[in-house]
Each structure stands twice: as C-alpha cells, then as structure tokens.
Amino acid sequence: MKRRTEIKVEEVIRISRRPGAAPNVSCPDCAAAWMISPDEAALALGATTRSIYRWIEKGRVHFFESGSGTVLVCLRSIGEQVQAQAREMESGNS
C-alpha cells in the first residue's frame, strides 16, 4: 500500500507603508480594501515591475489609475494571479 503525502505551503507577505505613501484606495472591481503600487507588488513577490504591468495590460489584475497617472494594483487580484500561475506550473510538471 502506497501513501501519498501532500504538503501545502502558503506564504504570508507583510507590506508596511511609509508615512506619506499613497492613501488606501478600494479596488473598483472587487472592493478589496487594499491596493498597492506596481513597485510594491513586484518587491513583495520577488518579481519585476514589468511583470506586474504585463498582468495589468493583459487584464489579469485589477488596477486603478488616478488622474495624475499614479497606478495602483489590487492586492487580492495579485494574489489570485500568483495562485493561478502556481497551479499552471503544478499541472505542467505533473
């Protein structure tokens, strides 16, 4: 009889905002309470800012662009995109 052990690893990312940072804005698509800059998202994920902008361009993450050109991305949709990519990698390796 063979046993299969499955281990699930979840990563918790803590993001602290410095004084004077952009105010919290609710996501216009899903009402998530926290949006962050593409730079903050890239830093938290160990990705490039360009990768985050590609996700924006492909409609894979929710974003908000202010009249002054400041872009914020939805932390919830970023997490969902990371999970989707992890599932794709797992299915590709199976």
Protein backbone atom coordinates (compact mmCIF):
# COMPACT_ATOMS: atom_id res chain seq x y z
CA MET A 1 0.00 0.00 0.00
CA LYS A 2 1.45 3.35 -1.05
CA ARG A 3 0.84 6.56 0.83
CA ARG A 4 0.81 9.97 -0.65
CA THR A 5 1.67 12.98 1.49
CA GLU A 6 0.70 16.38 0.23
CA ILE A 7 2.30 19.48 1.70
CA LYS A 8 0.77 22.87 1.08
CA VAL A 9 2.95 25.92 1.61
CA GLU A 10 1.38 29.32 1.91
CA GLU A 11 3.41 32.47 2.05
CA VAL A 12 2.38 35.49 4.05
CA ILE A 13 3.63 38.80 2.76
CA ARG A 14 3.61 41.83 5.02
CA ILE A 15 3.60 45.23 3.41
CA SER A 16 4.16 48.31 5.53
CA ARG A 17 3.52 51.71 4.10
CA ARG A 18 5.78 54.59 4.85
CA PRO A 19 4.35 57.89 6.07
CA GLY A 20 3.24 60.00 3.13
CA ALA A 21 2.61 56.97 0.89
CA ALA A 22 -0.44 56.89 -1.35
CA PRO A 23 -3.67 56.52 0.62
CA ASN A 24 -5.57 53.25 0.67
CA VAL A 25 -7.97 53.05 -2.23
CA SER A 26 -10.63 50.36 -2.54
CA CYS A 27 -10.47 48.27 -5.69
CA PRO A 28 -13.15 49.45 -8.11
CA ASP A 29 -13.61 45.87 -9.41
CA CYS A 30 -13.84 43.74 -6.27
CA ALA A 31 -13.97 46.27 -3.40
CA ALA A 32 -10.81 44.82 -1.81
CA ALA A 33 -9.66 47.26 0.81
CA TRP A 34 -6.03 47.48 -0.19
CA MET A 35 -4.32 48.49 -3.40
CA ILE A 36 -0.56 48.88 -3.76
CA SER A 37 1.81 50.29 -6.33
CA PRO A 38 3.25 48.01 -9.01
CA ASP A 39 6.68 48.58 -7.44
CA GLU A 40 5.42 47.37 -4.03
CA ALA A 41 3.77 44.34 -5.64
CA ALA A 42 6.95 43.43 -7.53
CA LEU A 43 9.08 43.79 -4.41
CA ALA A 44 6.71 41.66 -2.33
CA LEU A 45 6.59 38.91 -4.98
CA GLY A 46 10.23 38.97 -5.95
CA ALA A 47 9.12 39.82 -9.49
CA THR A 48 9.85 42.68 -11.81
CA THR A 49 7.68 45.75 -12.06
CA ARG A 50 7.42 45.00 -15.77
CA SER A 51 5.78 41.65 -14.94
CA ILE A 52 3.15 43.45 -12.90
CA TYR A 53 2.48 45.88 -15.78
CA ARG A 54 2.16 42.92 -18.17
CA TRP A 55 -0.54 41.47 -15.90
CA ILE A 56 -2.29 44.85 -15.97
CA GLU A 57 -2.07 45.04 -19.77
CA LYS A 58 -3.47 41.51 -20.13
CA GLY A 59 -6.33 42.25 -17.72
CA ARG A 60 -5.16 39.64 -15.22
CA VAL A 61 -5.15 42.00 -12.21
CA HIS A 62 -7.43 44.80 -11.13
CA PHE A 63 -5.93 48.27 -11.20
CA PHE A 64 -6.77 51.91 -10.70
CA GLU A 65 -5.12 54.83 -12.45
CA SER A 66 -5.56 58.27 -10.96
CA GLY A 67 -5.92 61.42 -12.98
CA SER A 68 -2.29 62.23 -12.19
CA GLY A 69 -1.15 58.89 -13.68
CA THR A 70 -0.48 57.02 -10.43
CA VAL A 71 -1.24 53.31 -10.89
CA LEU A 72 -2.33 51.04 -8.04
CA VAL A 73 -2.99 47.30 -8.30
CA CYS A 74 -5.42 45.26 -6.25
CA LEU A 75 -3.64 43.12 -3.71
CA ARG A 76 -6.38 40.46 -3.84
CA SER A 77 -6.16 40.07 -7.63
CA ILE A 78 -2.35 39.96 -7.47
CA GLY A 79 -2.65 37.06 -5.02
CA GLU A 80 -5.14 35.31 -7.28
CA GLN A 81 -2.79 35.71 -10.25
CA VAL A 82 0.13 34.25 -8.28
CA GLN A 83 -2.02 31.27 -7.25
CA ALA A 84 -3.16 30.74 -10.85
CA GLN A 85 0.44 30.69 -12.05
CA ALA A 86 1.39 28.22 -9.31
CA ARG A 87 -1.45 25.91 -10.40
CA GLU A 88 -0.31 26.18 -14.03
CA MET A 89 3.23 25.25 -13.03
CA GLU A 90 2.00 22.29 -10.97
CA SER A 91 -0.15 20.97 -13.81
CA GLY A 92 2.72 21.41 -16.24
CA ASN A 93 5.02 19.39 -14.02
CA SER A 94 2.53 16.55 -13.43
